[in-house]
Amino acid sequence: MTPKEAAALANDSLNSPDDKNVHSFLCSESPRNIQLFIHLLRPIGHERFFHFASNALAIRLAEDAEKMNRRLVFLTWAIVILTAALLFFTIILYQDARTQAQRTQAASPNNIKSP
């Protein structure tokens, strides 16, 4: 069901008391479609649909925010783990470079002391 069809059913609900289709629409649609439904409602006589749609929109946005929050936490932990791995490899490379520098300095002929 499209937002226009649901709004038409809601606007005509004064004539027919069956609003299960509108409620199922509001419970299953995206926030954009719910917002469009709210804008297509007639302003007078449909307060119950307006409040229900507003609450459904708030709940849907909160659920979407929760999903994004979980994804952000996961990606933050991934960045922390990758940063720790980079720090570990940097320390190992620094130690290898320092050891190599000490070996080359000890083996160079300019390092021999004269009597």
PDB file of N, CA and C in Angstrom:
ATOM      1  N   MET A   1       0.847  -1.171   0.000  1.00  0.00           N
ATOM      2  CA  MET A   1       0.000   0.000   0.000  1.00  0.00           C
ATOM      3  C   MET A   1       0.896   1.239   0.000  1.00  0.00           C
ATOM      4  N   THR A   2       0.547   2.189  -0.809  1.00  0.00           N
ATOM      5  CA  THR A   2       1.309   3.433  -0.891  1.00  0.00           C
ATOM      6  C   THR A   2       0.822   4.410   0.169  1.00  0.00           C
ATOM      7  N   PRO A   3       1.620   5.445   0.459  1.00  0.00           N
ATOM      8  CA  PRO A   3       1.174   6.451   1.421  1.00  0.00           C
ATOM      9  C   PRO A   3      -0.110   7.156   0.987  1.00  0.00           C
ATOM     10  N   LYS A   4      -0.264   7.354  -0.319  1.00  0.00           N
ATOM     11  CA  LYS A   4      -1.479   8.013  -0.812  1.00  0.00           C
ATOM     12  C   LYS A   4      -2.706   7.140  -0.574  1.00  0.00           C
ATOM     13  N   GLU A   5      -2.580   5.845  -0.814  1.00  0.00           N
ATOM     14  CA  GLU A   5      -3.708   4.939  -0.582  1.00  0.00           C
ATOM     15  C   GLU A   5      -4.058   4.859   0.899  1.00  0.00           C
ATOM     16  N   ALA A   6      -3.031   4.813   1.749  1.00  0.00           N
ATOM     17  CA  ALA A   6      -3.276   4.749   3.191  1.00  0.00           C
ATOM     18  C   ALA A   6      -3.921   6.035   3.689  1.00  0.00           C
ATOM     19  N   ALA A   7      -3.456   7.171   3.175  1.00  0.00           N
ATOM     20  CA  ALA A   7      -4.056   8.446   3.580  1.00  0.00           C
ATOM     21  C   ALA A   7      -5.491   8.542   3.092  1.00  0.00           C
ATOM     22  N   ALA A   8      -5.762   8.035   1.907  1.00  0.00           N
ATOM     23  CA  ALA A   8      -7.136   8.048   1.401  1.00  0.00           C
ATOM     24  C   ALA A   8      -8.030   7.176   2.277  1.00  0.00           C
ATOM     25  N   LEU A   9      -7.527   6.000   2.698  1.00  0.00           N
ATOM     26  CA  LEU A   9      -8.302   5.151   3.607  1.00  0.00           C
ATOM     27  C   LEU A   9      -8.532   5.851   4.941  1.00  0.00           C
ATOM     28  N   ALA A  10      -7.492   6.518   5.446  1.00  0.00           N
ATOM     29  CA  ALA A  10      -7.633   7.220   6.729  1.00  0.00           C
ATOM     30  C   ALA A  10      -8.589   8.393   6.610  1.00  0.00           C
ATOM     31  N   ASN A  11      -8.505   9.119   5.520  1.00  0.00           N
ATOM     32  CA  ASN A  11      -9.394  10.269   5.330  1.00  0.00           C
ATOM     33  C   ASN A  11     -10.849   9.837   5.165  1.00  0.00           C
ATOM     34  N   ASP A  12     -11.060   8.651   4.632  1.00  0.00           N
ATOM     35  CA  ASP A  12     -12.415   8.129   4.465  1.00  0.00           C
ATOM     36  C   ASP A  12     -12.844   7.257   5.637  1.00  0.00           C
ATOM     37  N   SER A  13     -12.040   7.194   6.694  1.00  0.00           N
ATOM     38  CA  SER A  13     -12.337   6.275   7.797  1.00  0.00           C
ATOM     39  C   SER A  13     -13.551   6.700   8.606  1.00  0.00           C
ATOM     40  N   LEU A  14     -13.997   7.946   8.437  1.00  0.00           N
ATOM     41  CA  LEU A  14     -15.209   8.354   9.137  1.00  0.00           C
ATOM     42  C   LEU A  14     -16.406   7.569   8.611  1.00  0.00           C
ATOM     43  N   ASN A  15     -16.332   7.153   7.355  1.00  0.00           N
ATOM     44  CA  ASN A  15     -17.419   6.377   6.756  1.00  0.00           C
ATOM     45  C   ASN A  15     -17.263   4.887   7.027  1.00  0.00           C
ATOM     46  N   SER A  16     -15.997   4.399   7.117  1.00  0.00           N
ATOM     47  CA  SER A  16     -15.772   2.980   7.371  1.00  0.00           C
ATOM     48  C   SER A  16     -14.869   2.843   8.596  1.00  0.00           C
ATOM     49  N   PRO A  17     -15.296   2.125   9.607  1.00  0.00           N
ATOM     50  CA  PRO A  17     -14.509   2.025  10.841  1.00  0.00           C
ATOM     51  C   PRO A  17     -13.308   1.097  10.747  1.00  0.00           C
ATOM     52  N   ASP A  18     -13.119   0.391   9.643  1.00  0.00           N
ATOM     53  CA  ASP A  18     -12.014  -0.556   9.513  1.00  0.00           C
ATOM     54  C   ASP A  18     -10.729   0.202   9.200  1.00  0.00           C
ATOM     55  N   ASP A  19      -9.854   0.332  10.184  1.00  0.00           N
ATOM     56  CA  ASP A  19      -8.591   1.031   9.969  1.00  0.00           C
ATOM     57  C   ASP A  19      -7.387   0.124  10.230  1.00  0.00           C
ATOM     58  N   LYS A  20      -7.587  -1.191  10.161  1.00  0.00           N
ATOM     59  CA  LYS A  20      -6.484  -2.138  10.346  1.00  0.00           C
ATOM     60  C   LYS A  20      -5.445  -1.999   9.239  1.00  0.00           C
ATOM     61  N   ASN A  21      -5.893  -1.713   8.022  1.00  0.00           N
ATOM     62  CA  ASN A  21      -4.955  -1.537   6.912  1.00  0.00           C
ATOM     63  C   ASN A  21      -4.054  -0.334   7.135  1.00  0.00           C
ATOM     64  N   VAL A  22      -4.635   0.735   7.665  1.00  0.00           N
ATOM     65  CA  VAL A  22      -3.837   1.943   7.923  1.00  0.00           C
ATOM     66  C   VAL A  22      -2.829   1.661   9.026  1.00  0.00           C
ATOM     67  N   HIS A  23      -3.257   0.959  10.080  1.00  0.00           N
ATOM     68  CA  HIS A  23      -2.333   0.635  11.168  1.00  0.00           C
ATOM     69  C   HIS A  23      -1.217  -0.293  10.704  1.00  0.00           C
ATOM     70  N   SER A  24      -1.539  -1.270   9.887  1.00  0.00           N
ATOM     71  CA  SER A  24      -0.489  -2.162   9.379  1.00  0.00           C
ATOM     72  C   SER A  24       0.461  -1.413   8.455  1.00  0.00           C
ATOM     73  N   PHE A  25      -0.074  -0.456   7.694  1.00  0.00           N
ATOM     74  CA  PHE A  25       0.779   0.379   6.850  1.00  0.00           C
ATOM     75  C   PHE A  25       1.766   1.162   7.713  1.00  0.00           C
ATOM     76  N   LEU A  26       1.255   1.787   8.770  1.00  0.00           N
ATOM     77  CA  LEU A  26       2.113   2.621   9.621  1.00  0.00           C
ATOM     78  C   LEU A  26       3.145   1.798  10.386  1.00  0.00           C
ATOM     79  N   CYS A  27       2.821   0.555  10.669  1.00  0.00           N
ATOM     80  CA  CYS A  27       3.758  -0.295  11.414  1.00  0.00           C
ATOM     81  C   CYS A  27       4.857  -0.889  10.533  1.00  0.00           C
ATOM     82  N   SER A  28       4.662  -0.871   9.227  1.00  0.00           N
ATOM     83  CA  SER A  28       5.622  -1.557   8.365  1.00  0.00           C
ATOM     84  C   SER A  28       6.358  -0.656   7.379  1.00  0.00           C
ATOM     85  N   GLU A  29       6.002   0.597   7.288  1.00  0.00           N
ATOM     86  CA  GLU A  29       6.595   1.459   6.254  1.00  0.00           C
ATOM     87  C   GLU A  29       7.833   2.205   6.750  1.00  0.00           C
ATOM     88  N   SER A  30       8.525   2.793   5.796  1.00  0.00           N
ATOM     89  CA  SER A  30       9.724   3.568   6.088  1.00  0.00           C
ATOM     90  C   SER A  30       9.331   4.934   6.658  1.00  0.00           C
ATOM     91  N   PRO A  31      10.262   5.597   7.337  1.00  0.00           N
ATOM     92  CA  PRO A  31       9.954   6.920   7.882  1.00  0.00           C
ATOM     93  C   PRO A  31       9.518   7.928   6.813  1.00  0.00           C
ATOM     94  N   ARG A  32      10.099   7.840   5.640  1.00  0.00           N
ATOM     95  CA  ARG A  32       9.730   8.766   4.562  1.00  0.00           C
ATOM     96  C   ARG A  32       8.262   8.586   4.155  1.00  0.00           C
ATOM     97  N   ASN A  33       7.820   7.332   4.055  1.00  0.00           N
ATOM     98  CA  ASN A  33       6.425   7.080   3.687  1.00  0.00           C
ATOM     99  C   ASN A  33       5.461   7.477   4.807  1.00  0.00           C
ATOM    100  N   ILE A  34       5.871   7.266   6.049  1.00  0.00           N
ATOM    101  CA  ILE A  34       5.029   7.688   7.169  1.00  0.00           C
ATOM    102  C   ILE A  34       4.891   9.204   7.178  1.00  0.00           C
ATOM    103  N   GLN A  35       5.987   9.891   6.911  1.00  0.00           N
ATOM    104  CA  GLN A  35       5.947  11.361   6.855  1.00  0.00           C
ATOM    105  C   GLN A  35       5.025  11.831   5.734  1.00  0.00           C
ATOM    106  N   LEU A  36       5.091  11.186   4.604  1.00  0.00           N
ATOM    107  CA  LEU A  36       4.204  11.533   3.494  1.00  0.00           C
ATOM    108  C   LEU A  36       2.743  11.274   3.867  1.00  0.00           C
ATOM    109  N   PHE A  37       2.485  10.167   4.564  1.00  0.00           N
ATOM    110  CA  PHE A  37       1.138   9.861   5.032  1.00  0.00           C
ATOM    111  C   PHE A  37       0.627  10.978   5.954  1.00  0.00           C
ATOM    112  N   ILE A  38       1.480  11.435   6.867  1.00  0.00           N
ATOM    113  CA  ILE A  38       1.079  12.511   7.793  1.00  0.00           C
ATOM    114  C   ILE A  38       0.714  13.764   7.022  1.00  0.00           C
ATOM    115  N   HIS A  39       1.472  14.093   6.009  1.00  0.00           N
ATOM    116  CA  HIS A  39       1.203  15.303   5.228  1.00  0.00           C
ATOM    117  C   HIS A  39      -0.057  15.177   4.367  1.00  0.00           C
ATOM    118  N   LEU A  40      -0.429  13.958   4.021  1.00  0.00           N
ATOM    119  CA  LEU A  40      -1.612  13.761   3.188  1.00  0.00           C
ATOM    120  C   LEU A  40      -2.909  13.650   4.003  1.00  0.00           C
ATOM    121  N   LEU A  41      -2.810  13.553   5.317  1.00  0.00           N
ATOM    122  CA  LEU A  41      -4.015  13.485   6.144  1.00  0.00           C
ATOM    123  C   LEU A  41      -4.743  14.822   6.146  1.00  0.00           C
ATOM    124  N   ARG A  42      -6.046  14.760   6.193  1.00  0.00           N
ATOM    125  CA  ARG A  42      -6.831  15.982   6.355  1.00  0.00           C
ATOM    126  C   ARG A  42      -6.653  16.461   7.791  1.00  0.00           C
ATOM    127  N   PRO A  43      -6.574  17.765   8.001  1.00  0.00           N
ATOM    128  CA  PRO A  43      -6.264  18.258   9.341  1.00  0.00           C
ATOM    129  C   PRO A  43      -7.393  18.111  10.356  1.00  0.00           C
ATOM    130  N   ILE A  44      -8.608  17.997   9.917  1.00  0.00           N
ATOM    131  CA  ILE A  44      -9.723  17.984  10.859  1.00  0.00           C
ATOM    132  C   ILE A  44     -10.345  16.588  10.889  1.00  0.00           C
ATOM    133  N   GLY A  45     -10.549  16.078  12.097  1.00  0.00           N
ATOM    134  CA  GLY A  45     -11.251  14.821  12.265  1.00  0.00           C
ATOM    135  C   GLY A  45     -10.390  13.579  12.219  1.00  0.00           C
ATOM    136  N   HIS A  46      -9.100  13.717  12.047  1.00  0.00           N
ATOM    137  CA  HIS A  46      -8.228  12.538  11.930  1.00  0.00           C
ATOM    138  C   HIS A  46      -7.076  12.620  12.919  1.00  0.00           C
ATOM    139  N   GLU A  47      -7.366  13.137  14.109  1.00  0.00           N
ATOM    140  CA  GLU A  47      -6.316  13.305  15.119  1.00  0.00           C
ATOM    141  C   GLU A  47      -5.743  11.964  15.569  1.00  0.00           C
ATOM    142  N   ARG A  48      -6.602  10.946  15.634  1.00  0.00           N
ATOM    143  CA  ARG A  48      -6.110   9.644  16.091  1.00  0.00           C
ATOM    144  C   ARG A  48      -5.092   9.074  15.120  1.00  0.00           C
ATOM    145  N   PHE A  49      -5.331   9.235  13.817  1.00  0.00           N
ATOM    146  CA  PHE A  49      -4.346   8.766  12.839  1.00  0.00           C
ATOM    147  C   PHE A  49      -3.083   9.623  12.880  1.00  0.00           C
ATOM    148  N   PHE A  50      -3.280  10.911  13.100  1.00  0.00           N
ATOM    149  CA  PHE A  50      -2.114  11.794  13.174  1.00  0.00           C
ATOM    150  C   PHE A  50      -1.233  11.415  14.356  1.00  0.00           C
ATOM    151  N   HIS A  51      -1.820  11.205  15.513  1.00  0.00           N
ATOM    152  CA  HIS A  51      -1.035  10.844  16.697  1.00  0.00           C
ATOM    153  C   HIS A  51      -0.401   9.459  16.537  1.00  0.00           C
ATOM    154  N   PHE A  52      -1.165   8.535  15.999  1.00  0.00           N
ATOM    155  CA  PHE A  52      -0.613   7.208  15.783  1.00  0.00           C
ATOM    156  C   PHE A  52       0.538   7.259  14.782  1.00  0.00           C
ATOM    157  N   ALA A  53       0.365   7.998  13.713  1.00  0.00           N
ATOM    158  CA  ALA A  53       1.425   8.115  12.699  1.00  0.00           C
ATOM    159  C   ALA A  53       2.641   8.839  13.268  1.00  0.00           C
ATOM    160  N   SER A  54       2.407   9.864  14.082  1.00  0.00           N
ATOM    161  CA  SER A  54       3.531  10.583  14.696  1.00  0.00           C
ATOM    162  C   SER A  54       4.318   9.661  15.618  1.00  0.00           C
ATOM    163  N   ASN A  55       3.599   8.870  16.406  1.00  0.00           N
ATOM    164  CA  ASN A  55       4.281   7.921  17.294  1.00  0.00           C
ATOM    165  C   ASN A  55       5.005   6.839  16.496  1.00  0.00           C
ATOM    166  N   ALA A  56       4.371   6.353  15.444  1.00  0.00           N
ATOM    167  CA  ALA A  56       5.025   5.346  14.603  1.00  0.00           C
ATOM    168  C   ALA A  56       6.290   5.908  13.963  1.00  0.00           C
ATOM    169  N   LEU A  57       6.226   7.163  13.544  1.00  0.00           N
ATOM    170  CA  LEU A  57       7.405   7.805  12.947  1.00  0.00           C
ATOM    171  C   LEU A  57       8.516   7.956  13.982  1.00  0.00           C
ATOM    172  N   ALA A  58       8.162   8.377  15.187  1.00  0.00           N
ATOM    173  CA  ALA A  58       9.173   8.536  16.238  1.00  0.00           C
ATOM    174  C   ALA A  58       9.821   7.197  16.584  1.00  0.00           C
ATOM    175  N   ILE A  59       9.004   6.158  16.661  1.00  0.00           N
ATOM    176  CA  ILE A  59       9.548   4.829  16.968  1.00  0.00           C
ATOM    177  C   ILE A  59      10.451   4.344  15.845  1.00  0.00           C
ATOM    178  N   ARG A  60      10.019   4.535  14.596  1.00  0.00           N
ATOM    179  CA  ARG A  60      10.823   4.084  13.459  1.00  0.00           C
ATOM    180  C   ARG A  60      12.155   4.842  13.403  1.00  0.00           C
ATOM    181  N   LEU A  61      12.126   6.141  13.662  1.00  0.00           N
ATOM    182  CA  LEU A  61      13.368   6.913  13.665  1.00  0.00           C
ATOM    183  C   LEU A  61      14.283   6.481  14.801  1.00  0.00           C
ATOM    184  N   ALA A  62      13.701   6.154  15.958  1.00  0.00           N
ATOM    185  CA  ALA A  62      14.513   5.680  17.078  1.00  0.00           C
ATOM    186  C   ALA A  62      15.146   4.326  16.755  1.00  0.00           C
ATOM    187  N   GLU A  63      14.398   3.451  16.099  1.00  0.00           N
ATOM    188  CA  GLU A  63      14.955   2.154  15.703  1.00  0.00           C
ATOM    189  C   GLU A  63      16.084   2.329  14.701  1.00  0.00           C
ATOM    190  N   ASP A  64      15.894   3.221  13.743  1.00  0.00           N
ATOM    191  CA  ASP A  64      16.953   3.481  12.762  1.00  0.00           C
ATOM    192  C   ASP A  64      18.183   4.087  13.429  1.00  0.00           C
ATOM    193  N   ALA A  65      17.960   4.977  14.393  1.00  0.00           N
ATOM    194  CA  ALA A  65      19.085   5.574  15.116  1.00  0.00           C
ATOM    195  C   ALA A  65      19.829   4.520  15.931  1.00  0.00           C
ATOM    196  N   GLU A  66      19.090   3.573  16.488  1.00  0.00           N
ATOM    197  CA  GLU A  66      19.715   2.497  17.249  1.00  0.00           C
ATOM    198  C   GLU A  66      20.582   1.623  16.341  1.00  0.00           C
ATOM    199  N   LYS A  67      20.097   1.323  15.147  1.00  0.00           N
ATOM    200  CA  LYS A  67      20.888   0.535  14.190  1.00  0.00           C
ATOM    201  C   LYS A  67      22.165   1.278  13.811  1.00  0.00           C
ATOM    202  N   MET A  68      22.023   2.566  13.556  1.00  0.00           N
ATOM    203  CA  MET A  68      23.202   3.359  13.193  1.00  0.00           C
ATOM    204  C   MET A  68      24.175   3.446  14.365  1.00  0.00           C
ATOM    205  N   ASN A  69      23.633   3.528  15.573  1.00  0.00           N
ATOM    206  CA  ASN A  69      24.478   3.584  16.762  1.00  0.00           C
ATOM    207  C   ASN A  69      25.273   2.294  16.920  1.00  0.00           C
ATOM    208  N   ARG A  70      24.621   1.145  16.718  1.00  0.00           N
ATOM    209  CA  ARG A  70      25.333  -0.132  16.800  1.00  0.00           C
ATOM    210  C   ARG A  70      26.420  -0.221  15.741  1.00  0.00           C
ATOM    211  N   ARG A  71      26.112   0.234  14.544  1.00  0.00           N
ATOM    212  CA  ARG A  71      27.106   0.213  13.472  1.00  0.00           C
ATOM    213  C   ARG A  71      28.282   1.132  13.800  1.00  0.00           C
ATOM    214  N   LEU A  72      27.983   2.290  14.361  1.00  0.00           N
ATOM    215  CA  LEU A  72      29.036   3.234  14.726  1.00  0.00           C
ATOM    216  C   LEU A  72      29.920   2.667  15.827  1.00  0.00           C
ATOM    217  N   VAL A  73      29.324   2.011  16.812  1.00  0.00           N
ATOM    218  CA  VAL A  73      30.116   1.390  17.880  1.00  0.00           C
ATOM    219  C   VAL A  73      31.001   0.296  17.304  1.00  0.00           C
ATOM    220  N   PHE A  74      30.452  -0.528  16.418  1.00  0.00           N
ATOM    221  CA  PHE A  74      31.242  -1.588  15.795  1.00  0.00           C
ATOM    222  C   PHE A  74      32.420  -1.008  15.020  1.00  0.00           C
ATOM    223  N   LEU A  75      32.163   0.014  14.222  1.00  0.00           N
ATOM    224  CA  LEU A  75      33.241   0.608  13.426  1.00  0.00           C
ATOM    225  C   LEU A  75      34.268   1.310  14.309  1.00  0.00           C
ATOM    226  N   THR A  76      33.822   1.890  15.423  1.00  0.00           N
ATOM    227  CA  THR A  76      34.758   2.522  16.352  1.00  0.00           C
ATOM    228  C   THR A  76      35.689   1.477  16.952  1.00  0.00           C
ATOM    229  N   TRP A  77      35.141   0.329  17.343  1.00  0.00           N
ATOM    230  CA  TRP A  77      35.981  -0.742  17.868  1.00  0.00           C
ATOM    231  C   TRP A  77      36.935  -1.262  16.800  1.00  0.00           C
ATOM    232  N   ALA A  78      36.487  -1.327  15.571  1.00  0.00           N
ATOM    233  CA  ALA A  78      37.376  -1.757  14.482  1.00  0.00           C
ATOM    234  C   ALA A  78      38.536  -0.786  14.327  1.00  0.00           C
ATOM    235  N   ILE A  79      38.254   0.504  14.418  1.00  0.00           N
ATOM    236  CA  ILE A  79      39.320   1.510  14.303  1.00  0.00           C
ATOM    237  C   ILE A  79      40.288   1.391  15.476  1.00  0.00           C
ATOM    238  N   VAL A  80      39.770   1.149  16.680  1.00  0.00           N
ATOM    239  CA  VAL A  80      40.643   0.998  17.854  1.00  0.00           C
ATOM    240  C   VAL A  80      41.552  -0.220  17.683  1.00  0.00           C
ATOM    241  N   ILE A  81      40.997  -1.314  17.213  1.00  0.00           N
ATOM    242  CA  ILE A  81      41.794  -2.534  17.028  1.00  0.00           C
ATOM    243  C   ILE A  81      42.848  -2.329  15.944  1.00  0.00           C
ATOM    244  N   LEU A  82      42.461  -1.692  14.848  1.00  0.00           N
ATOM    245  CA  LEU A  82      43.439  -1.436  13.780  1.00  0.00           C
ATOM    246  C   LEU A  82      44.527  -0.467  14.243  1.00  0.00           C
ATOM    247  N   THR A  83      44.169   0.506  15.049  1.00  0.00           N
ATOM    248  CA  THR A  83      45.163   1.436  15.580  1.00  0.00           C
ATOM    249  C   THR A  83      46.139   0.716  16.495  1.00  0.00           C
ATOM    250  N   ALA A  84      45.637  -0.187  17.334  1.00  0.00           N
ATOM    251  CA  ALA A  84      46.522  -0.967  18.206  1.00  0.00           C
ATOM    252  C   ALA A  84      47.454  -1.850  17.375  1.00  0.00           C
ATOM    253  N   ALA A  85      46.933  -2.443  16.317  1.00  0.00           N
ATOM    254  CA  ALA A  85      47.776  -3.271  15.450  1.00  0.00           C
ATOM    255  C   ALA A  85      48.857  -2.427  14.776  1.00  0.00           C
ATOM    256  N   LEU A  86      48.484  -1.243  14.312  1.00  0.00           N
ATOM    257  CA  LEU A  86      49.480  -0.350  13.700  1.00  0.00           C
ATOM    258  C   LEU A  86      50.542   0.071  14.706  1.00  0.00           C
ATOM    259  N   LEU A  87      50.143   0.327  15.942  1.00  0.00           N
ATOM    260  CA  LEU A  87      51.105   0.691  16.986  1.00  0.00           C
ATOM    261  C   LEU A  87      52.055  -0.470  17.242  1.00  0.00           C
ATOM    262  N   PHE A  88      51.531  -1.672  17.316  1.00  0.00           N
ATOM    263  CA  PHE A  88      52.364  -2.858  17.528  1.00  0.00           C
ATOM    264  C   PHE A  88      53.388  -3.016  16.395  1.00  0.00           C
ATOM    265  N   PHE A  89      52.942  -2.923  15.153  1.00  0.00           N
ATOM    266  CA  PHE A  89      53.858  -3.058  14.021  1.00  0.00           C
ATOM    267  C   PHE A  89      54.867  -1.911  13.959  1.00  0.00           C
ATOM    268  N   THR A  90      54.467  -0.732  14.359  1.00  0.00           N
ATOM    269  CA  THR A  90      55.398   0.402  14.390  1.00  0.00           C
ATOM    270  C   THR A  90      56.500   0.159  15.412  1.00  0.00           C
ATOM    271  N   ILE A  91      56.145  -0.363  16.577  1.00  0.00           N
ATOM    272  CA  ILE A  91      57.151  -0.660  17.604  1.00  0.00           C
ATOM    273  C   ILE A  91      58.119  -1.725  17.110  1.00  0.00           C
ATOM    274  N   ILE A  92      57.597  -2.765  16.487  1.00  0.00           N
ATOM    275  CA  ILE A  92      58.468  -3.832  15.963  1.00  0.00           C
ATOM    276  C   ILE A  92      59.388  -3.292  14.878  1.00  0.00           C
ATOM    277  N   LEU A  93      58.853  -2.489  13.969  1.00  0.00           N
ATOM    278  CA  LEU A  93      59.694  -1.913  12.909  1.00  0.00           C
ATOM    279  C   LEU A  93      60.745  -0.972  13.490  1.00  0.00           C
ATOM    280  N   TYR A  94      60.383  -0.217  14.507  1.00  0.00           N
ATOM    281  CA  TYR A  94      61.352   0.684  15.152  1.00  0.00           C
ATOM    282  C   TYR A  94      62.475  -0.124  15.794  1.00  0.00           C
ATOM    283  N   GLN A  95      62.126  -1.214  16.495  1.00  0.00           N
ATOM    284  CA  GLN A  95      63.154  -2.046  17.123  1.00  0.00           C
ATOM    285  C   GLN A  95      64.056  -2.685  16.073  1.00  0.00           C
ATOM    286  N   ASP A  96      63.489  -3.149  14.971  1.00  0.00           N
ATOM    287  CA  ASP A  96      64.303  -3.731  13.901  1.00  0.00           C
ATOM    288  C   ASP A  96      65.223  -2.687  13.283  1.00  0.00           C
ATOM    289  N   ALA A  97      64.710  -1.502  13.051  1.00  0.00           N
ATOM    290  CA  ALA A  97      65.540  -0.447  12.470  1.00  0.00           C
ATOM    291  C   ALA A  97      66.645  -0.038  13.436  1.00  0.00           C
ATOM    292  N   ARG A  98      66.352   0.018  14.710  1.00  0.00           N
ATOM    293  CA  ARG A  98      67.362   0.382  15.705  1.00  0.00           C
ATOM    294  C   ARG A  98      68.449  -0.687  15.791  1.00  0.00           C
ATOM    295  N   THR A  99      68.045  -1.961  15.777  1.00  0.00           N
ATOM    296  CA  THR A  99      69.010  -3.061  15.802  1.00  0.00           C
ATOM    297  C   THR A  99      69.880  -3.035  14.555  1.00  0.00           C
ATOM    298  N   GLN A 100      69.267  -2.786  13.410  1.00  0.00           N
ATOM    299  CA  GLN A 100      70.025  -2.711  12.159  1.00  0.00           C
ATOM    300  C   GLN A 100      71.002  -1.539  12.187  1.00  0.00           C
ATOM    301  N   ALA A 101      70.590  -0.436  12.718  1.00  0.00           N
ATOM    302  CA  ALA A 101      71.481   0.723  12.797  1.00  0.00           C
ATOM    303  C   ALA A 101      72.651   0.449  13.732  1.00  0.00           C
ATOM    304  N   GLN A 102      72.408  -0.227  14.831  1.00  0.00           N
ATOM    305  CA  GLN A 102      73.493  -0.558  15.751  1.00  0.00           C
ATOM    306  C   GLN A 102      74.468  -1.538  15.119  1.00  0.00           C
ATOM    307  N   ARG A 103      73.973  -2.482  14.354  1.00  0.00           N
ATOM    308  CA  ARG A 103      74.845  -3.449  13.677  1.00  0.00           C
ATOM    309  C   ARG A 103      75.715  -2.758  12.628  1.00  0.00           C
ATOM    310  N   THR A 104      75.116  -1.876  11.846  1.00  0.00           N
ATOM    311  CA  THR A 104      75.901  -1.193  10.810  1.00  0.00           C
ATOM    312  C   THR A 104      76.904  -0.234  11.434  1.00  0.00           C
ATOM    313  N   GLN A 105      76.547   0.371  12.547  1.00  0.00           N
ATOM    314  CA  GLN A 105      77.477   1.292  13.210  1.00  0.00           C
ATOM    315  C   GLN A 105      78.635   0.511  13.826  1.00  0.00           C
ATOM    316  N   ALA A 106      78.382  -0.652  14.378  1.00  0.00           N
ATOM    317  CA  ALA A 106      79.440  -1.464  14.974  1.00  0.00           C
ATOM    318  C   ALA A 106      80.343  -2.071  13.906  1.00  0.00           C
ATOM    319  N   ALA A 107      79.829  -2.312  12.738  1.00  0.00           N
ATOM    320  CA  ALA A 107      80.614  -2.950  11.683  1.00  0.00           C
ATOM    321  C   ALA A 107      81.341  -1.942  10.801  1.00  0.00           C
ATOM    322  N   SER A 108      81.065  -0.674  10.939  1.00  0.00           N
ATOM    323  CA  SER A 108      81.710   0.293  10.046  1.00  0.00           C
ATOM    324  C   SER A 108      83.168   0.507  10.455  1.00  0.00           C
ATOM    325  N   PRO A 109      84.066   0.699   9.478  1.00  0.00           N
ATOM    326  CA  PRO A 109      85.500   0.877   9.798  1.00  0.00           C
ATOM    327  C   PRO A 109      85.792   2.229  10.449  1.00  0.00           C
ATOM    328  N   ASN A 110      84.956   3.196  10.341  1.00  0.00           N
ATOM    329  CA  ASN A 110      85.180   4.496  10.957  1.00  0.00           C
ATOM    330  C   ASN A 110      84.970   4.448  12.457  1.00  0.00           C
ATOM    331  N   ASN A 111      84.448   3.379  12.940  1.00  0.00           N
ATOM    332  CA  ASN A 111      84.129   3.268  14.350  1.00  0.00           C
ATOM    333  C   ASN A 111      85.306   2.706  15.161  1.00  0.00           C
ATOM    334  N   ILE A 112      86.401   2.289  14.500  1.00  0.00           N
ATOM    335  CA  ILE A 112      87.553   1.712  15.185  1.00  0.00           C
ATOM    336  C   ILE A 112      88.354   2.860  15.806  1.00  0.00           C
ATOM    337  N   LYS A 113      88.701   2.689  17.097  1.00  0.00           N
ATOM    338  CA  LYS A 113      89.474   3.731  17.799  1.00  0.00           C
ATOM    339  C   LYS A 113      90.945   3.536  17.555  1.00  0.00           C
ATOM    340  N   SER A 114      91.648   4.648  17.355  1.00  0.00           N
ATOM    341  CA  SER A 114      93.084   4.582  17.144  1.00  0.00           C
ATOM    342  C   SER A 114      93.819   4.586  18.499  1.00  0.00           C
ATOM    343  N   PRO A 115      95.038   3.919  18.577  1.00  0.00           N
ATOM    344  CA  PRO A 115      95.758   3.826  19.845  1.00  0.00           C
ATOM    345  C   PRO A 115      96.371   5.106  20.302  1.00  0.00           C
TER     346      PRO A 115
END
